[in-house]
């Protein structure tokens, strides 16, 4: 085990109601990195993100 904390990330789009469940880790800048770019409806900025440690 590397000691890095993994997070369970739930991304919700208020525009279309879609929900994504992902796993992520903190990058060097302390930001949560999952690889998620945009919702299927094209929404990139107005997303609700909830992260909990695994």
PDB file of N, CA and C in Angstrom:
ATOM      1  N   UNK A   1       0.844  -1.185   0.000  1.00  0.00           N
ATOM      2  CA  UNK A   1       0.000   0.000   0.000  1.00  0.00           C
ATOM      3  C   UNK A   1       0.881   1.238   0.000  1.00  0.00           C
ATOM      4  N   UNK A   2       0.542   2.207  -0.852  1.00  0.00           N
ATOM      5  CA  UNK A   2       1.388   3.381  -1.023  1.00  0.00           C
ATOM      6  C   UNK A   2       1.127   4.468   0.005  1.00  0.00           C
ATOM      7  N   UNK A   3       0.006   4.415   0.700  1.00  0.00           N
ATOM      8  CA  UNK A   3      -0.292   5.421   1.694  1.00  0.00           C
ATOM      9  C   UNK A   3      -1.132   6.565   1.162  1.00  0.00           C
ATOM     10  N   UNK A   4      -1.361   6.602  -0.148  1.00  0.00           N
ATOM     11  CA  UNK A   4      -2.201   7.648  -0.724  1.00  0.00           C
ATOM     12  C   UNK A   4      -3.665   7.316  -0.480  1.00  0.00           C
ATOM     13  N   UNK A   5      -4.435   8.302  -0.092  1.00  0.00           N
ATOM     14  CA  UNK A   5      -5.852   8.091   0.162  1.00  0.00           C
ATOM     15  C   UNK A   5      -6.632   8.161  -1.133  1.00  0.00           C
ATOM     16  N   UNK A   6      -7.439   7.138  -1.366  1.00  0.00           N
ATOM     17  CA  UNK A   6      -8.342   7.143  -2.509  1.00  0.00           C
ATOM     18  C   UNK A   6      -9.685   7.666  -2.046  1.00  0.00           C
ATOM     19  N   UNK A   7     -10.384   8.320  -2.953  1.00  0.00           N
ATOM     20  CA  UNK A   7     -11.676   8.894  -2.640  1.00  0.00           C
ATOM     21  C   UNK A   7     -12.750   8.334  -3.562  1.00  0.00           C
ATOM     22  N   UNK A   8     -13.930   8.152  -3.002  1.00  0.00           N
ATOM     23  CA  UNK A   8     -15.105   7.818  -3.796  1.00  0.00           C
ATOM     24  C   UNK A   8     -15.762   9.150  -4.121  1.00  0.00           C
ATOM     25  N   UNK A   9     -15.862   9.466  -5.405  1.00  0.00           N
ATOM     26  CA  UNK A   9     -16.340  10.762  -5.844  1.00  0.00           C
ATOM     27  C   UNK A   9     -17.662  10.586  -6.577  1.00  0.00           C
ATOM     28  N   UNK A  10     -18.666  11.337  -6.138  1.00  0.00           N
ATOM     29  CA  UNK A  10     -19.955  11.336  -6.818  1.00  0.00           C
ATOM     30  C   UNK A  10     -20.129  12.704  -7.462  1.00  0.00           C
ATOM     31  N   UNK A  11     -20.281  12.713  -8.786  1.00  0.00           N
ATOM     32  CA  UNK A  11     -20.477  13.941  -9.542  1.00  0.00           C
ATOM     33  C   UNK A  11     -21.917  13.951 -10.021  1.00  0.00           C
ATOM     34  N   UNK A  12     -22.649  15.012  -9.680  1.00  0.00           N
ATOM     35  CA  UNK A  12     -24.038  15.147 -10.112  1.00  0.00           C
ATOM     36  C   UNK A  12     -24.170  16.378 -10.992  1.00  0.00           C
ATOM     37  N   UNK A  13     -24.911  16.222 -12.071  1.00  0.00           N
ATOM     38  CA  UNK A  13     -25.159  17.331 -12.983  1.00  0.00           C
ATOM     39  C   UNK A  13     -26.573  17.857 -12.738  1.00  0.00           C
ATOM     40  N   UNK A  14     -26.717  19.105 -12.265  1.00  0.00           N
ATOM     41  CA  UNK A  14     -28.053  19.651 -12.025  1.00  0.00           C
ATOM     42  C   UNK A  14     -28.794  19.982 -13.318  1.00  0.00           C
ATOM     43  N   UNK A  15     -28.074  20.096 -14.413  1.00  0.00           N
ATOM     44  CA  UNK A  15     -28.686  20.447 -15.698  1.00  0.00           C
ATOM     45  C   UNK A  15     -29.525  19.299 -16.266  1.00  0.00           C
ATOM     46  N   UNK A  16     -28.979  18.071 -16.229  1.00  0.00           N
ATOM     47  CA  UNK A  16     -29.703  16.933 -16.820  1.00  0.00           C
ATOM     48  C   UNK A  16     -30.033  15.845 -15.795  1.00  0.00           C
ATOM     49  N   UNK A  17     -29.456  15.914 -14.588  1.00  0.00           N
ATOM     50  CA  UNK A  17     -29.746  14.933 -13.551  1.00  0.00           C
ATOM     51  C   UNK A  17     -28.868  13.701 -13.569  1.00  0.00           C
ATOM     52  N   UNK A  18     -27.898  13.648 -14.466  1.00  0.00           N
ATOM     53  CA  UNK A  18     -26.995  12.494 -14.562  1.00  0.00           C
ATOM     54  C   UNK A  18     -26.100  12.425 -13.327  1.00  0.00           C
ATOM     55  N   UNK A  19     -25.722  11.200 -12.929  1.00  0.00           N
ATOM     56  CA  UNK A  19     -24.864  10.990 -11.765  1.00  0.00           C
ATOM     57  C   UNK A  19     -23.730  10.049 -12.159  1.00  0.00           C
ATOM     58  N   UNK A  20     -22.522  10.380 -11.745  1.00  0.00           N
ATOM     59  CA  UNK A  20     -21.329   9.574 -12.018  1.00  0.00           C
ATOM     60  C   UNK A  20     -20.678   9.214 -10.697  1.00  0.00           C
ATOM     61  N   UNK A  21     -20.263   7.953 -10.558  1.00  0.00           N
ATOM     62  CA  UNK A  21     -19.532   7.501  -9.376  1.00  0.00           C
ATOM     63  C   UNK A  21     -18.127   7.125  -9.843  1.00  0.00           C
ATOM     64  N   UNK A  22     -17.133   7.813  -9.306  1.00  0.00           N
ATOM     65  CA  UNK A  22     -15.747   7.647  -9.737  1.00  0.00           C
ATOM     66  C   UNK A  22     -14.838   7.434  -8.536  1.00  0.00           C
ATOM     67  N   UNK A  23     -13.595   7.103  -8.815  1.00  0.00           N
ATOM     68  CA  UNK A  23     -12.564   7.044  -7.785  1.00  0.00           C
ATOM     69  C   UNK A  23     -11.494   8.044  -8.155  1.00  0.00           C
ATOM     70  N   UNK A  24     -10.925   8.697  -7.142  1.00  0.00           N
ATOM     71  CA  UNK A  24      -9.899   9.684  -7.409  1.00  0.00           C
ATOM     72  C   UNK A  24      -8.887   9.777  -6.290  1.00  0.00           C
ATOM     73  N   UNK A  25      -7.838  10.525  -6.559  1.00  0.00           N
ATOM     74  CA  UNK A  25      -6.761  10.777  -5.593  1.00  0.00           C
ATOM     75  C   UNK A  25      -6.372  12.244  -5.675  1.00  0.00           C
ATOM     76  N   UNK A  26      -5.720  12.722  -4.641  1.00  0.00           N
ATOM     77  CA  UNK A  26      -5.202  14.091  -4.657  1.00  0.00           C
ATOM     78  C   UNK A  26      -3.945  14.142  -5.509  1.00  0.00           C
ATOM     79  N   UNK A  27      -3.823  15.194  -6.331  1.00  0.00           N
ATOM     80  CA  UNK A  27      -2.610  15.364  -7.125  1.00  0.00           C
ATOM     81  C   UNK A  27      -1.594  16.199  -6.350  1.00  0.00           C
ATOM     82  N   UNK A  28      -0.506  16.608  -7.001  1.00  0.00           N
ATOM     83  CA  UNK A  28       0.563  17.354  -6.334  1.00  0.00           C
ATOM     84  C   UNK A  28       0.091  18.699  -5.791  1.00  0.00           C
ATOM     85  N   UNK A  29      -0.912  19.277  -6.436  1.00  0.00           N
ATOM     86  CA  UNK A  29      -1.437  20.584  -6.028  1.00  0.00           C
ATOM     87  C   UNK A  29      -2.481  20.480  -4.927  1.00  0.00           C
ATOM     88  N   UNK A  30      -2.831  19.245  -4.526  1.00  0.00           N
ATOM     89  CA  UNK A  30      -3.831  19.047  -3.493  1.00  0.00           C
ATOM     90  C   UNK A  30      -5.253  18.997  -4.034  1.00  0.00           C
ATOM     91  N   UNK A  31      -5.398  19.008  -5.366  1.00  0.00           N
ATOM     92  CA  UNK A  31      -6.712  18.949  -5.990  1.00  0.00           C
ATOM     93  C   UNK A  31      -7.105  17.498  -6.218  1.00  0.00           C
ATOM     94  N   UNK A  32      -8.385  17.230  -6.187  1.00  0.00           N
ATOM     95  CA  UNK A  32      -8.899  15.883  -6.419  1.00  0.00           C
ATOM     96  C   UNK A  32      -8.893  15.579  -7.914  1.00  0.00           C
ATOM     97  N   UNK A  33      -8.247  14.506  -8.322  1.00  0.00           N
ATOM     98  CA  UNK A  33      -8.119  14.140  -9.729  1.00  0.00           C
ATOM     99  C   UNK A  33      -8.843  12.829 -10.002  1.00  0.00           C
ATOM    100  N   UNK A  34      -9.829  12.877 -10.899  1.00  0.00           N
ATOM    101  CA  UNK A  34     -10.584  11.687 -11.278  1.00  0.00           C
ATOM    102  C   UNK A  34     -10.497  11.404 -12.767  1.00  0.00           C
ATOM    103  N   UNK A  35     -10.151  12.400 -13.561  1.00  0.00           N
ATOM    104  CA  UNK A  35     -10.156  12.258 -15.006  1.00  0.00           C
ATOM    105  C   UNK A  35     -11.471  12.681 -15.631  1.00  0.00           C
ATOM    106  N   UNK A  36     -12.447  13.088 -14.810  1.00  0.00           N
ATOM    107  CA  UNK A  36     -13.752  13.514 -15.312  1.00  0.00           C
ATOM    108  C   UNK A  36     -13.607  14.870 -15.992  1.00  0.00           C
ATOM    109  N   UNK A  37     -14.170  15.005 -17.199  1.00  0.00           N
ATOM    110  CA  UNK A  37     -14.064  16.257 -17.951  1.00  0.00           C
ATOM    111  C   UNK A  37     -15.396  16.985 -18.058  1.00  0.00           C
ATOM    112  N   UNK A  38     -16.450  16.285 -18.523  1.00  0.00           N
ATOM    113  CA  UNK A  38     -17.752  16.922 -18.682  1.00  0.00           C
ATOM    114  C   UNK A  38     -18.853  15.891 -18.692  1.00  0.00           C
ATOM    115  N   UNK A  39     -20.059  16.355 -18.422  1.00  0.00           N
ATOM    116  CA  UNK A  39     -21.244  15.502 -18.440  1.00  0.00           C
ATOM    117  C   UNK A  39     -21.635  15.197 -19.891  1.00  0.00           C
ATOM    118  N   UNK A  40     -22.450  14.195 -20.086  1.00  0.00           N
ATOM    119  CA  UNK A  40     -22.883  13.844 -21.439  1.00  0.00           C
ATOM    120  C   UNK A  40     -23.728  14.936 -22.083  1.00  0.00           C
ATOM    121  N   UNK A  41     -24.313  15.827 -21.262  1.00  0.00           N
ATOM    122  CA  UNK A  41     -25.105  16.936 -21.810  1.00  0.00           C
ATOM    123  C   UNK A  41     -24.227  18.123 -22.200  1.00  0.00           C
ATOM    124  N   UNK A  42     -22.921  18.044 -21.939  1.00  0.00           N
ATOM    125  CA  UNK A  42     -21.998  19.114 -22.301  1.00  0.00           C
ATOM    126  C   UNK A  42     -21.663  20.052 -21.160  1.00  0.00           C
ATOM    127  N   UNK A  43     -22.258  19.868 -20.005  1.00  0.00           N
ATOM    128  CA  UNK A  43     -22.008  20.711 -18.840  1.00  0.00           C
ATOM    129  C   UNK A  43     -20.598  20.442 -18.309  1.00  0.00           C
ATOM    130  N   UNK A  44     -19.776  21.493 -18.222  1.00  0.00           N
ATOM    131  CA  UNK A  44     -18.407  21.347 -17.714  1.00  0.00           C
ATOM    132  C   UNK A  44     -18.167  22.056 -16.393  1.00  0.00           C
ATOM    133  N   UNK A  45     -18.971  23.069 -16.076  1.00  0.00           N
ATOM    134  CA  UNK A  45     -18.644  23.912 -14.934  1.00  0.00           C
ATOM    135  C   UNK A  45     -19.621  23.831 -13.774  1.00  0.00           C
ATOM    136  N   UNK A  46     -20.895  23.649 -14.019  1.00  0.00           N
ATOM    137  CA  UNK A  46     -21.894  23.652 -12.945  1.00  0.00           C
ATOM    138  C   UNK A  46     -22.180  22.216 -12.515  1.00  0.00           C
ATOM    139  N   UNK A  47     -21.282  21.638 -11.716  1.00  0.00           N
ATOM    140  CA  UNK A  47     -21.412  20.253 -11.263  1.00  0.00           C
ATOM    141  C   UNK A  47     -21.346  20.199  -9.743  1.00  0.00           C
ATOM    142  N   UNK A  48     -22.083  19.299  -9.142  1.00  0.00           N
ATOM    143  CA  UNK A  48     -22.035  19.089  -7.699  1.00  0.00           C
ATOM    144  C   UNK A  48     -21.136  17.885  -7.444  1.00  0.00           C
ATOM    145  N   UNK A  49     -20.057  18.090  -6.668  1.00  0.00           N
ATOM    146  CA  UNK A  49     -19.063  17.049  -6.426  1.00  0.00           C
ATOM    147  C   UNK A  49     -19.016  16.736  -4.939  1.00  0.00           C
ATOM    148  N   UNK A  50     -19.129  15.457  -4.608  1.00  0.00           N
ATOM    149  CA  UNK A  50     -19.080  14.992  -3.217  1.00  0.00           C
ATOM    150  C   UNK A  50     -18.021  13.892  -3.136  1.00  0.00           C
ATOM    151  N   UNK A  51     -16.993  14.075  -2.289  1.00  0.00           N
ATOM    152  CA  UNK A  51     -15.910  13.107  -2.163  1.00  0.00           C
ATOM    153  C   UNK A  51     -15.817  12.598  -0.737  1.00  0.00           C
ATOM    154  N   UNK A  52     -15.698  11.267  -0.592  1.00  0.00           N
ATOM    155  CA  UNK A  52     -15.510  10.646   0.709  1.00  0.00           C
ATOM    156  C   UNK A  52     -14.339   9.662   0.624  1.00  0.00           C
ATOM    157  N   UNK A  53     -13.495   9.602   1.651  1.00  0.00           N
ATOM    158  CA  UNK A  53     -12.375   8.654   1.632  1.00  0.00           C
ATOM    159  C   UNK A  53     -12.876   7.214   1.619  1.00  0.00           C
ATOM    160  N   UNK A  54     -12.133   6.353   0.927  1.00  0.00           N
ATOM    161  CA  UNK A  54     -12.476   4.921   0.892  1.00  0.00           C
ATOM    162  C   UNK A  54     -11.823   4.200   2.035  1.00  0.00           C
TER     163      UNK A  54
END
